[in-house]
Amino acid sequence: MSKYAHAKTAIEQAVTAGQEEGLSREEMLLALIVSTVDAYRSEAGRKAVRDALLYELGEVDGNIDTQFLRSR
C-alpha cells in the first residue's frame, strides 16, 4: 500500500470516529490539517512545513497539478 493510501485510510478512520462523537466531517478534516502541520513541523522543521504548504496551496489555486505528480 502506498503512503497516500495509508494516509487516506487514517483520515477516514479519524473522521468516522469524530462523526460518531458528533463532530462534523469538516471539523475533523481541519483538526487533522492542524495536527498534521504541528507533527510535521516537529519532525521536519519549519522550513519544510512552509515549503510543503506553499506547494500544496499551488494545487488549491490550480497552479500545480499534483494529482499525477508528487515530488515527495
Protein backbone atom coordinates (compact mmCIF):
# COMPACT_ATOMS: atom_id res chain seq x y z
CA MET A 1 0.00 0.00 0.00
CA SER A 2 1.28 3.49 -0.83
CA LYS A 3 1.88 6.21 1.72
CA TYR A 4 -1.08 8.12 0.29
CA ALA A 5 -3.36 5.09 0.62
CA HIS A 6 -2.29 4.71 4.26
CA ALA A 7 -2.95 8.41 4.87
CA LYS A 8 -6.37 8.23 3.22
CA THR A 9 -7.30 5.25 5.40
CA ALA A 10 -6.15 7.07 8.55
CA ILE A 11 -8.14 10.17 7.57
CA GLU A 12 -11.31 8.18 7.05
CA GLN A 13 -10.87 6.39 10.37
CA ALA A 14 -10.37 9.67 12.24
CA VAL A 15 -13.28 11.39 10.52
CA THR A 16 -15.59 8.46 11.19
CA ALA A 17 -14.56 8.35 14.86
CA GLY A 18 -15.21 12.08 15.18
CA GLN A 19 -18.60 11.84 13.50
CA GLU A 20 -19.57 9.11 15.94
CA GLU A 21 -18.92 11.66 18.71
CA GLY A 22 -20.99 14.35 17.00
CA LEU A 23 -18.23 16.24 15.22
CA SER A 24 -18.70 17.22 11.60
CA ARG A 25 -16.56 15.89 8.78
CA GLU A 26 -15.37 19.44 8.10
CA GLU A 27 -14.31 19.95 11.74
CA MET A 28 -12.41 16.69 11.74
CA LEU A 29 -10.61 17.41 8.48
CA LEU A 30 -9.49 20.82 9.77
CA ALA A 31 -8.33 19.27 13.04
CA LEU A 32 -6.31 16.74 11.03
CA ILE A 33 -4.67 19.50 8.98
CA VAL A 34 -3.72 21.48 12.10
CA SER A 35 -2.48 18.39 13.94
CA THR A 36 -0.53 17.15 10.93
CA VAL A 37 1.17 20.51 10.37
CA ASP A 38 2.21 20.57 14.02
CA ALA A 39 3.53 17.00 13.90
CA TYR A 40 5.35 17.60 10.60
CA ARG A 41 6.95 20.78 12.00
CA SER A 42 8.26 18.78 14.96
CA GLU A 43 9.64 16.13 12.62
CA ALA A 44 10.93 18.09 9.63
CA GLY A 45 11.23 21.69 10.79
CA ARG A 46 9.57 24.98 9.96
CA LYS A 47 11.10 25.44 6.51
CA ALA A 48 9.95 22.01 5.33
CA VAL A 49 6.42 22.72 6.58
CA ARG A 50 6.32 26.09 4.86
CA ASP A 51 7.66 24.65 1.58
CA ALA A 52 5.18 21.77 1.65
CA LEU A 53 2.22 24.02 2.41
CA LEU A 54 3.13 26.51 -0.30
CA TYR A 55 3.49 23.64 -2.77
CA GLU A 56 0.07 22.25 -1.83
CA LEU A 57 -1.51 25.71 -1.97
CA GLY A 58 -0.34 25.84 -5.57
CA GLU A 59 -2.63 22.91 -6.27
CA VAL A 60 -5.55 24.55 -4.44
CA ASP A 61 -5.09 27.64 -6.62
CA GLY A 62 -4.84 25.47 -9.73
CA ASN A 63 -1.23 26.41 -10.42
CA ILE A 64 0.20 22.94 -9.88
CA ASP A 65 -1.36 19.60 -10.81
CA THR A 66 -0.18 17.26 -8.07
CA GLN A 67 -2.75 14.55 -8.72
CA PHE A 68 -0.30 12.83 -11.06
CA LEU A 69 2.94 14.46 -9.93
CA ARG A 70 4.19 14.02 -6.39
CA SER A 71 7.76 15.09 -5.77
CA ARG A 72 7.70 13.69 -2.25
